[in-house]
Amino acid sequence: MFEITPIFTVRSDSVRDDKTLPFMKPYRKLLAIIFAAVGWFAVIAQFLLMLNNSVLPLGENIVRFFSFFTILTNMLVALFFTLQAWGIKKFDGGALTAITVYITIVGLVYQVLLRQLWTPTGLQKVVDELLHSVMPVVTIGYWYCYGHRHGVFYNQVPKWLVFPFLYLGYILVRGYFSGFYPYPFMDVAMLGFPKVIGNAAGMVVLFILVSFFFVYVGRKLKEVG
């Protein structure tokens, strides 16, 4: 029999969190409320902007919107902060670290590979910065203050890779049938399958390195804390 291990573990609210930085405890809920509001605003605003600037059918726009790793990850981050703000559930350190890894990748890939490809203006520029710069930074900050000192282990990294692998499979399969690839470095029609597989392998390595970095830093901070 195989044992299915969840990617994220949920703790009861009755479990006391001793791992929060003492001077930051009073601000935890307030920060979660603010970050949740900013996150949902950015996602919803991006959706409306996409609809306003597209001539595609509504159904295709919706599918394409949810085909971006940036959107899926920012929604995950916003949901996490919403649950924290409402006090419904508390996730262990491994869950917050996984989410932090995902949004960090969003920020890194955008800043290094995608920022120079376009120059948004007005509200689109604001939303763009929220999704790719602000939310990664505030999530990392929240992780540093509240999530790095418990429940973070190297053997969790393979579980954290499930989401990126599922996403990769989805965009390749859908791209094959629709011709739409959300990111230029994953565009099989333009680059060819071997090049895209090489790029995907590079992204997997990046995910692993960033995951190990956060685990390493979290465990070191636990030792000194």
C-alpha atoms as a PDB file:
ATOM      1  CA  MET A   1       0.000   0.000   0.000  1.00  0.00           C
ATOM      2  CA  PHE A   2       1.220   3.490  -0.843  1.00  0.00           C
ATOM      3  CA  GLU A   3       0.906   6.310   1.644  1.00  0.00           C
ATOM      4  CA  ILE A   4      -0.230   9.632   0.163  1.00  0.00           C
ATOM      5  CA  THR A   5       1.532  12.529   1.849  1.00  0.00           C
ATOM      6  CA  PRO A   6      -0.115  15.961   1.522  1.00  0.00           C
ATOM      7  CA  ILE A   7       1.873  18.791  -0.018  1.00  0.00           C
ATOM      8  CA  PHE A   8       0.617  21.195   2.628  1.00  0.00           C
ATOM      9  CA  THR A   9      -0.132  20.323   6.247  1.00  0.00           C
ATOM     10  CA  VAL A  10      -2.805  22.213   8.162  1.00  0.00           C
ATOM     11  CA  ARG A  11      -2.570  22.747  11.878  1.00  0.00           C
ATOM     12  CA  SER A  12      -5.451  23.406  14.206  1.00  0.00           C
ATOM     13  CA  ASP A  13      -5.844  26.941  15.546  1.00  0.00           C
ATOM     14  CA  SER A  14      -5.505  25.470  18.990  1.00  0.00           C
ATOM     15  CA  VAL A  15      -1.837  24.755  18.357  1.00  0.00           C
ATOM     16  CA  ARG A  16       0.173  27.569  19.867  1.00  0.00           C
ATOM     17  CA  ASP A  17       2.736  29.080  17.512  1.00  0.00           C
ATOM     18  CA  ASP A  18       5.948  29.678  19.456  1.00  0.00           C
ATOM     19  CA  LYS A  19       7.967  30.383  16.353  1.00  0.00           C
ATOM     20  CA  THR A  20       6.831  33.921  15.629  1.00  0.00           C
ATOM     21  CA  LEU A  21       9.307  36.737  16.163  1.00  0.00           C
ATOM     22  CA  PRO A  22       8.069  38.238  19.471  1.00  0.00           C
ATOM     23  CA  PHE A  23       8.065  41.875  18.345  1.00  0.00           C
ATOM     24  CA  MET A  24       6.042  40.960  15.230  1.00  0.00           C
ATOM     25  CA  LYS A  25       3.258  38.997  16.929  1.00  0.00           C
ATOM     26  CA  PRO A  26       0.850  41.954  17.335  1.00  0.00           C
ATOM     27  CA  TYR A  27       1.027  42.710  13.598  1.00  0.00           C
ATOM     28  CA  ARG A  28       0.460  39.226  12.201  1.00  0.00           C
ATOM     29  CA  LYS A  29      -3.279  39.476  11.553  1.00  0.00           C
ATOM     30  CA  LEU A  30      -3.089  43.060  10.332  1.00  0.00           C
ATOM     31  CA  LEU A  31      -0.358  42.208   7.849  1.00  0.00           C
ATOM     32  CA  ALA A  32      -2.299  39.178   6.646  1.00  0.00           C
ATOM     33  CA  ILE A  33      -5.374  41.359   6.034  1.00  0.00           C
ATOM     34  CA  ILE A  34      -3.368  43.945   4.105  1.00  0.00           C
ATOM     35  CA  PHE A  35      -1.471  41.383   2.023  1.00  0.00           C
ATOM     36  CA  ALA A  36      -4.658  39.451   1.248  1.00  0.00           C
ATOM     37  CA  ALA A  37      -6.381  42.628   0.077  1.00  0.00           C
ATOM     38  CA  VAL A  38      -3.434  43.646  -2.089  1.00  0.00           C
ATOM     39  CA  GLY A  39      -3.123  40.154  -3.533  1.00  0.00           C
ATOM     40  CA  TRP A  40      -6.798  39.818  -4.481  1.00  0.00           C
ATOM     41  CA  PHE A  41      -6.871  43.344  -5.874  1.00  0.00           C
ATOM     42  CA  ALA A  42      -3.911  42.588  -8.129  1.00  0.00           C
ATOM     43  CA  VAL A  43      -5.388  39.312  -9.411  1.00  0.00           C
ATOM     44  CA  ILE A  44      -8.871  40.720 -10.031  1.00  0.00           C
ATOM     45  CA  ALA A  45      -7.530  43.899 -11.615  1.00  0.00           C
ATOM     46  CA  GLN A  46      -5.304  41.870 -13.929  1.00  0.00           C
ATOM     47  CA  PHE A  47      -8.285  39.784 -15.007  1.00  0.00           C
ATOM     48  CA  LEU A  48     -10.354  42.869 -15.792  1.00  0.00           C
ATOM     49  CA  LEU A  49      -7.465  44.478 -17.664  1.00  0.00           C
ATOM     50  CA  MET A  50      -6.994  41.315 -19.693  1.00  0.00           C
ATOM     51  CA  LEU A  51     -10.679  41.240 -20.629  1.00  0.00           C
ATOM     52  CA  ASN A  52     -10.629  44.923 -21.551  1.00  0.00           C
ATOM     53  CA  ASN A  53      -7.642  44.532 -23.868  1.00  0.00           C
ATOM     54  CA  SER A  54      -8.624  41.266 -25.560  1.00  0.00           C
ATOM     55  CA  VAL A  55     -10.792  40.423 -28.543  1.00  0.00           C
ATOM     56  CA  LEU A  56     -10.906  36.718 -27.706  1.00  0.00           C
ATOM     57  CA  PRO A  57     -14.085  34.992 -26.476  1.00  0.00           C
ATOM     58  CA  LEU A  58     -14.713  35.179 -22.747  1.00  0.00           C
ATOM     59  CA  GLY A  59     -14.153  31.446 -22.247  1.00  0.00           C
ATOM     60  CA  GLU A  60     -10.764  31.523 -23.938  1.00  0.00           C
ATOM     61  CA  ASN A  61      -9.759  34.582 -21.925  1.00  0.00           C
ATOM     62  CA  ILE A  62     -10.650  32.817 -18.687  1.00  0.00           C
ATOM     63  CA  VAL A  63      -8.687  29.707 -19.627  1.00  0.00           C
ATOM     64  CA  ARG A  64      -5.668  31.753 -20.660  1.00  0.00           C
ATOM     65  CA  PHE A  65      -5.832  33.857 -17.507  1.00  0.00           C
ATOM     66  CA  PHE A  66      -5.613  30.763 -15.335  1.00  0.00           C
ATOM     67  CA  SER A  67      -2.819  29.381 -17.509  1.00  0.00           C
ATOM     68  CA  PHE A  68      -0.258  31.802 -16.070  1.00  0.00           C
ATOM     69  CA  PHE A  69       1.864  30.525 -13.196  1.00  0.00           C
ATOM     70  CA  THR A  70       1.978  34.114 -11.945  1.00  0.00           C
ATOM     71  CA  ILE A  71      -1.794  34.220 -11.544  1.00  0.00           C
ATOM     72  CA  LEU A  72      -2.125  30.778  -9.973  1.00  0.00           C
ATOM     73  CA  THR A  73       0.651  31.502  -7.500  1.00  0.00           C
ATOM     74  CA  ASN A  74      -0.630  34.949  -6.563  1.00  0.00           C
ATOM     75  CA  MET A  75      -4.060  33.433  -5.983  1.00  0.00           C
ATOM     76  CA  LEU A  76      -2.475  30.821  -3.734  1.00  0.00           C
ATOM     77  CA  VAL A  77      -0.655  33.553  -1.827  1.00  0.00           C
ATOM     78  CA  ALA A  78      -3.799  35.669  -1.504  1.00  0.00           C
ATOM     79  CA  LEU A  79      -5.776  32.638  -0.302  1.00  0.00           C
ATOM     80  CA  PHE A  80      -3.106  31.851   2.266  1.00  0.00           C
ATOM     81  CA  PHE A  81      -3.183  35.399   3.648  1.00  0.00           C
ATOM     82  CA  THR A  82      -6.987  35.376   3.637  1.00  0.00           C
ATOM     83  CA  LEU A  83      -7.072  32.234   5.770  1.00  0.00           C
ATOM     84  CA  GLN A  84      -4.484  33.747   8.085  1.00  0.00           C
ATOM     85  CA  ALA A  85      -6.492  36.955   8.390  1.00  0.00           C
ATOM     86  CA  TRP A  86      -9.739  35.120   9.163  1.00  0.00           C
ATOM     87  CA  GLY A  87      -8.011  32.794  11.607  1.00  0.00           C
ATOM     88  CA  ILE A  88      -9.643  29.802   9.920  1.00  0.00           C
ATOM     89  CA  LYS A  89      -6.535  27.682   9.514  1.00  0.00           C
ATOM     90  CA  LYS A  90      -2.867  27.863  10.278  1.00  0.00           C
ATOM     91  CA  PHE A  91      -0.447  26.129   7.977  1.00  0.00           C
ATOM     92  CA  ASP A  92       2.798  24.650   9.139  1.00  0.00           C
ATOM     93  CA  GLY A  93       6.147  26.195   8.232  1.00  0.00           C
ATOM     94  CA  GLY A  94       6.586  23.823   5.320  1.00  0.00           C
ATOM     95  CA  ALA A  95       3.397  25.058   3.645  1.00  0.00           C
ATOM     96  CA  LEU A  96       4.320  28.717   3.982  1.00  0.00           C
ATOM     97  CA  THR A  97       7.827  27.942   2.742  1.00  0.00           C
ATOM     98  CA  ALA A  98       6.458  26.166  -0.338  1.00  0.00           C
ATOM     99  CA  ILE A  99       4.212  29.136  -1.139  1.00  0.00           C
ATOM    100  CA  THR A 100       7.149  31.471  -0.603  1.00  0.00           C
ATOM    101  CA  VAL A 101       9.264  29.410  -3.002  1.00  0.00           C
ATOM    102  CA  TYR A 102       6.575  29.623  -5.705  1.00  0.00           C
ATOM    103  CA  ILE A 103       6.114  33.382  -5.444  1.00  0.00           C
ATOM    104  CA  THR A 104       9.877  33.914  -5.274  1.00  0.00           C
ATOM    105  CA  ILE A 105      10.218  32.056  -8.565  1.00  0.00           C
ATOM    106  CA  VAL A 106       7.514  34.304 -10.016  1.00  0.00           C
ATOM    107  CA  GLY A 107       9.514  37.364  -9.029  1.00  0.00           C
ATOM    108  CA  LEU A 108      12.886  36.049 -10.159  1.00  0.00           C
ATOM    109  CA  VAL A 109      11.736  34.820 -13.557  1.00  0.00           C
ATOM    110  CA  TYR A 110       9.894  38.045 -14.268  1.00  0.00           C
ATOM    111  CA  GLN A 111      12.766  40.311 -13.252  1.00  0.00           C
ATOM    112  CA  VAL A 112      15.392  38.321 -15.170  1.00  0.00           C
ATOM    113  CA  LEU A 113      13.559  37.000 -18.247  1.00  0.00           C
ATOM    114  CA  LEU A 114      10.308  38.863 -18.817  1.00  0.00           C
ATOM    115  CA  ARG A 115      10.480  42.449 -17.599  1.00  0.00           C
ATOM    116  CA  GLN A 116      12.296  43.696 -20.687  1.00  0.00           C
ATOM    117  CA  LEU A 117       9.700  42.195 -23.040  1.00  0.00           C
ATOM    118  CA  TRP A 118       7.092  44.895 -22.444  1.00  0.00           C
ATOM    119  CA  THR A 119       6.556  48.318 -20.877  1.00  0.00           C
ATOM    120  CA  PRO A 120       3.133  48.516 -19.214  1.00  0.00           C
ATOM    121  CA  THR A 121       1.714  51.885 -18.273  1.00  0.00           C
ATOM    122  CA  GLY A 122      -0.988  53.232 -15.995  1.00  0.00           C
ATOM    123  CA  LEU A 123      -2.968  50.744 -13.948  1.00  0.00           C
ATOM    124  CA  GLN A 124      -1.393  47.853 -15.834  1.00  0.00           C
ATOM    125  CA  LYS A 125       2.042  48.910 -14.579  1.00  0.00           C
ATOM    126  CA  VAL A 126       0.766  49.112 -10.998  1.00  0.00           C
ATOM    127  CA  VAL A 127      -0.824  45.674 -11.203  1.00  0.00           C
ATOM    128  CA  ASP A 128       2.248  44.261 -12.901  1.00  0.00           C
ATOM    129  CA  GLU A 129       4.479  45.448 -10.061  1.00  0.00           C
ATOM    130  CA  LEU A 130       2.080  44.139  -7.428  1.00  0.00           C
ATOM    131  CA  LEU A 131       2.019  40.658  -8.967  1.00  0.00           C
ATOM    132  CA  HIS A 132       5.709  40.326  -9.765  1.00  0.00           C
ATOM    133  CA  SER A 133       7.515  42.516  -7.235  1.00  0.00           C
ATOM    134  CA  VAL A 134       5.401  43.534  -4.249  1.00  0.00           C
ATOM    135  CA  MET A 135       3.741  40.210  -3.462  1.00  0.00           C
ATOM    136  CA  PRO A 136       7.003  38.221  -3.663  1.00  0.00           C
ATOM    137  CA  VAL A 137       8.716  40.687  -1.305  1.00  0.00           C
ATOM    138  CA  VAL A 138       5.915  40.815   1.281  1.00  0.00           C
ATOM    139  CA  THR A 139       5.531  37.027   1.234  1.00  0.00           C
ATOM    140  CA  ILE A 140       9.231  36.544   1.858  1.00  0.00           C
ATOM    141  CA  GLY A 141       8.999  39.064   4.679  1.00  0.00           C
ATOM    142  CA  TYR A 142       6.012  37.263   6.203  1.00  0.00           C
ATOM    143  CA  TRP A 143       7.861  33.956   5.905  1.00  0.00           C
ATOM    144  CA  TYR A 144      10.860  35.468   7.694  1.00  0.00           C
ATOM    145  CA  CYS A 145       8.748  36.775  10.545  1.00  0.00           C
ATOM    146  CA  TYR A 146       6.267  33.933  11.001  1.00  0.00           C
ATOM    147  CA  GLY A 147       7.070  30.768   9.128  1.00  0.00           C
ATOM    148  CA  HIS A 148      10.730  29.823   9.004  1.00  0.00           C
ATOM    149  CA  ARG A 149      11.388  28.308  12.420  1.00  0.00           C
ATOM    150  CA  HIS A 150       9.334  25.130  12.388  1.00  0.00           C
ATOM    151  CA  GLY A 151       8.160  22.369  10.126  1.00  0.00           C
ATOM    152  CA  VAL A 152      10.708  22.985   7.353  1.00  0.00           C
ATOM    153  CA  PHE A 153      12.756  20.001   6.135  1.00  0.00           C
ATOM    154  CA  TYR A 154      14.754  19.109   3.036  1.00  0.00           C
ATOM    155  CA  ASN A 155      12.655  16.000   2.415  1.00  0.00           C
ATOM    156  CA  GLN A 156       9.644  18.256   1.785  1.00  0.00           C
ATOM    157  CA  VAL A 157      11.166  19.690  -1.399  1.00  0.00           C
ATOM    158  CA  PRO A 158      10.003  16.856  -3.724  1.00  0.00           C
ATOM    159  CA  LYS A 159       6.407  17.448  -2.570  1.00  0.00           C
ATOM    160  CA  TRP A 160       6.738  21.148  -3.306  1.00  0.00           C
ATOM    161  CA  LEU A 161       7.698  20.301  -6.898  1.00  0.00           C
ATOM    162  CA  VAL A 162       4.353  18.587  -7.575  1.00  0.00           C
ATOM    163  CA  PHE A 163       2.589  21.870  -8.329  1.00  0.00           C
ATOM    164  CA  PRO A 164       5.212  23.127 -10.833  1.00  0.00           C
ATOM    165  CA  PHE A 165       5.334  19.729 -12.577  1.00  0.00           C
ATOM    166  CA  LEU A 166       1.539  19.599 -12.900  1.00  0.00           C
ATOM    167  CA  TYR A 167       1.574  23.131 -14.251  1.00  0.00           C
ATOM    168  CA  LEU A 168       4.286  22.281 -16.773  1.00  0.00           C
ATOM    169  CA  GLY A 169       2.349  19.279 -18.030  1.00  0.00           C
ATOM    170  CA  TYR A 170      -0.817  21.346 -18.333  1.00  0.00           C
ATOM    171  CA  ILE A 171       0.659  24.189 -20.395  1.00  0.00           C
ATOM    172  CA  LEU A 172       2.494  21.788 -22.717  1.00  0.00           C
ATOM    173  CA  VAL A 173      -0.581  19.660 -23.378  1.00  0.00           C
ATOM    174  CA  ARG A 174      -2.917  22.613 -23.794  1.00  0.00           C
ATOM    175  CA  GLY A 175      -0.351  24.472 -25.872  1.00  0.00           C
ATOM    176  CA  TYR A 176      -0.071  21.506 -28.223  1.00  0.00           C
ATOM    177  CA  PHE A 177      -3.802  21.641 -28.956  1.00  0.00           C
ATOM    178  CA  SER A 178      -4.427  25.401 -28.709  1.00  0.00           C
ATOM    179  CA  GLY A 179      -1.135  26.899 -29.871  1.00  0.00           C
ATOM    180  CA  PHE A 180      -1.081  29.176 -26.804  1.00  0.00           C
ATOM    181  CA  TYR A 181       1.890  29.082 -24.445  1.00  0.00           C
ATOM    182  CA  PRO A 182       1.770  31.618 -21.584  1.00  0.00           C
ATOM    183  CA  TYR A 183       5.526  32.217 -21.509  1.00  0.00           C
ATOM    184  CA  PRO A 184       7.910  32.697 -24.458  1.00  0.00           C
ATOM    185  CA  PHE A 185      10.567  30.376 -23.008  1.00  0.00           C
ATOM    186  CA  MET A 186       7.956  27.575 -23.020  1.00  0.00           C
ATOM    187  CA  ASP A 187       6.674  28.230 -26.561  1.00  0.00           C
ATOM    188  CA  VAL A 188       7.141  24.927 -28.398  1.00  0.00           C
ATOM    189  CA  ALA A 189       5.897  26.387 -31.685  1.00  0.00           C
ATOM    190  CA  MET A 190       8.597  29.052 -31.626  1.00  0.00           C
ATOM    191  CA  LEU A 191      11.511  27.281 -29.924  1.00  0.00           C
ATOM    192  CA  GLY A 192      10.906  23.614 -30.654  1.00  0.00           C
ATOM    193  CA  PHE A 193      10.308  20.825 -28.169  1.00  0.00           C
ATOM    194  CA  PRO A 194      13.988  20.051 -27.327  1.00  0.00           C
ATOM    195  CA  LYS A 195      14.686  23.701 -26.440  1.00  0.00           C
ATOM    196  CA  VAL A 196      11.545  23.948 -24.324  1.00  0.00           C
ATOM    197  CA  ILE A 197      12.428  20.754 -22.459  1.00  0.00           C
ATOM    198  CA  GLY A 198      15.861  22.240 -21.776  1.00  0.00           C
ATOM    199  CA  ASN A 199      14.252  25.420 -20.468  1.00  0.00           C
ATOM    200  CA  ALA A 200      11.863  23.364 -18.341  1.00  0.00           C
ATOM    201  CA  ALA A 201      14.795  21.430 -16.887  1.00  0.00           C
ATOM    202  CA  GLY A 202      16.442  24.724 -16.026  1.00  0.00           C
ATOM    203  CA  MET A 203      13.292  25.864 -14.265  1.00  0.00           C
ATOM    204  CA  VAL A 204      13.166  22.626 -12.272  1.00  0.00           C
ATOM    205  CA  VAL A 205      16.755  23.205 -11.161  1.00  0.00           C
ATOM    206  CA  LEU A 206      15.828  26.762 -10.172  1.00  0.00           C
ATOM    207  CA  PHE A 207      12.882  25.502  -8.128  1.00  0.00           C
ATOM    208  CA  ILE A 208      15.107  22.998  -6.349  1.00  0.00           C
ATOM    209  CA  LEU A 209      17.836  25.546  -5.613  1.00  0.00           C
ATOM    210  CA  VAL A 210      15.393  28.136  -4.293  1.00  0.00           C
ATOM    211  CA  SER A 211      13.614  25.485  -2.199  1.00  0.00           C
ATOM    212  CA  PHE A 212      16.874  24.294  -0.669  1.00  0.00           C
ATOM    213  CA  PHE A 213      17.897  27.886  -0.028  1.00  0.00           C
ATOM    214  CA  PHE A 214      14.752  28.625   1.985  1.00  0.00           C
ATOM    215  CA  VAL A 215      15.019  25.371   3.915  1.00  0.00           C
ATOM    216  CA  TYR A 216      18.673  26.078   4.685  1.00  0.00           C
ATOM    217  CA  VAL A 217      18.015  29.651   5.798  1.00  0.00           C
ATOM    218  CA  GLY A 218      14.968  28.624   7.810  1.00  0.00           C
ATOM    219  CA  ARG A 219      16.843  25.948   9.684  1.00  0.00           C
ATOM    220  CA  LYS A 220      19.778  28.253  10.347  1.00  0.00           C
ATOM    221  CA  LEU A 221      17.463  30.920  11.698  1.00  0.00           C
ATOM    222  CA  LYS A 222      15.822  28.290  13.884  1.00  0.00           C
ATOM    223  CA  GLU A 223      19.229  27.417  15.343  1.00  0.00           C
ATOM    224  CA  VAL A 224      20.112  31.010  16.175  1.00  0.00           C
ATOM    225  CA  GLY A 225      16.559  31.825  17.315  1.00  0.00           C
END
